Amino acid sequence: MKPIHNYYNVLSKLLLAAAITVYLFAFINLSFFNHPHTDDYIAGYDVANTNLLGYFNKIYMHWGGRYTSILIAGLWAKKHLLFQHYYLHTITLLISNLLSVYLFVYVVNVYLVKKSFQFVDMLLATVTYVVLQITCLPEIVSAYFWFSSAVTYQTGIILLQIVFSLLLIIFHDKRLWVKNIATLLLLILVVLINGCNEVIALIQGLALLTIYFLVRERSDKLIHIIGIIALVYLSSFSLLYIAPGNTERLALIPHSTLPKAIAVAGVRTLYTFWTVFCNPLFWITSVTLLPIAYHIKDTLHDRRWLQWIHGRRAHVFLYAIISIFLIYLPIVYFSNGSFPQRASNVMVQIAVINCFGFIFLISLRVSNEVMKILLIRRRFFNLLTVAIAVTVISNYNFGEAFKSVVAAPLYHKTFLLREQILVKAAKSNSIATLHNYNVVTDSILNADYNGERQLIKDLLVQKPSYLFLYDDLSNTQSVGIIKRYYGVDSLVIKQP
């Protein structure tokens, strides 16, 4: 029977690998049809007409203290790298996220479960988790495809995942030089994360505070390390918080009464978890935590974690309460209850981490006898792997990705034509005449796809949800920014 089991095991993993590969291929392919939006042009114009330092000073003094995001945007905009290779940031963020998740899985494998998991299993776990992250996002376009939003919000998530890996190394590695290097890298990342955005900075602080309460009785040396981390965190957070630009930006955000802000933030918190719970892939992948927890209970080096979990049921509920407040507090504190979807992307990814942690703790409390009944058959793992693959393929965002792939060429032609008109007008010092997005797409559709059936036309003309954020020409401020970037004196938008 063993060869048959091995056959089903390999086949199920190949099916999952194929489903994820197809999705990620579509995801990467879409990046080559992508085009810049308003804030990207601000970085391009300011860096080109001043320098990197001038751009940094302008944004920090007049818009916000997100020093890491400002620096990244300035570096990418330098010498027009951002605009000549606009696809590159999406691919870079995706690969960086995969590597950060794999690092965490690898560290868990090395330090907690005695290298019990094979490379293929760790790789599949990594890509499955990243696909889960992406498909839970309420606004994928601002998480990965719109540069200014992506580097502001997604960078912090990636760095925070690396922080969790470094903390495990510091807590479990016995070599002093490894601890020292990991601590130094951790301090650098704490500073960088605080400079990404206010939301992830506060989440990082709350997460580090939670970890402190978990390990405060373990070792005096660890307490000293945490003390240093706290000092660095507070110092770098002050750079973010006291930036003069924060006052100007917050003045543009509508304010509400405290009771209303608390209520609205509560609704947004429910929305965040609902976004995760509505994804079938989340529930299927959560089931995988059962065998992982069962395996970890037998191989865990440090048994004190299990003693803490089994000690009192209140510990698990305490984790659940902390997880909810990790989502709620940033929303109510920084936005008075008003939260853009691009910031919700961060909260949803944190919610996924929190929910996985909670389900994992529950799984650890399940008795070994019950686990053996649930996992008695090896085919359970094969069926679970197949179920994950099917859920990936049938996921709503899987379908949206391929709908976007179909519509992407027309989207690309529309924005490419607009950019060509602007460049030509700038060179000839003439008036740039543009039409809105819908008018241009209809024109291209009638010219290039006139003979196609209406069904095909409807698929081609739809706005690709992975790429389309909004039409820059619909906003007067955006139009002014585009004029400055391209050097156009006059821009006329013809109405249909």
Foldseek 3Di string as FASTA:
>chain_A
DVVVLVVLQVVLLVLQVVLLVVLVVLVLVLLVLFAAFQVLLVLLLQCVVPNLVRQLLCCLQAAFLLNLLSNVSNVCSVVHVCHVRVSVQLVVLLVLQLVLQLLQLVLCCVFFFPVPDDPSVSSSVSSLLSLLLQLLAPALQLCRRHSSLVQLFSVLVSLVSNLVSLVSCLVGPPDPVSNVVSLVSNLVSLLNSLSSDPLSLVLVVLVLVVVCVVCVPPDPVVVVSSVVSVVSSVVSNCSRVVRNNVVNNVVPADADDLVQLLVLLVVLLVVLVVSSVVQVLLVLVLVVLLVVLLSSCVRGPDCVVLCVLQVDVVVLVVLVVSLSCSRRVSCSPPRSNDDDSSNSSNSNSSNSVSVSVSSNSVSNNDDNVVSCVVPVDVCVVSVSSNVSSVSSCPRPVSVLSVLLVLQSVLSSVQVVVLVVQLLVCQVVLHEREEEWSLVSSVVCCCVPVVPDDVVSSVSRSDHRSNHDDDTLVVDPVSVVSSCSSSVHPHYHYDYD
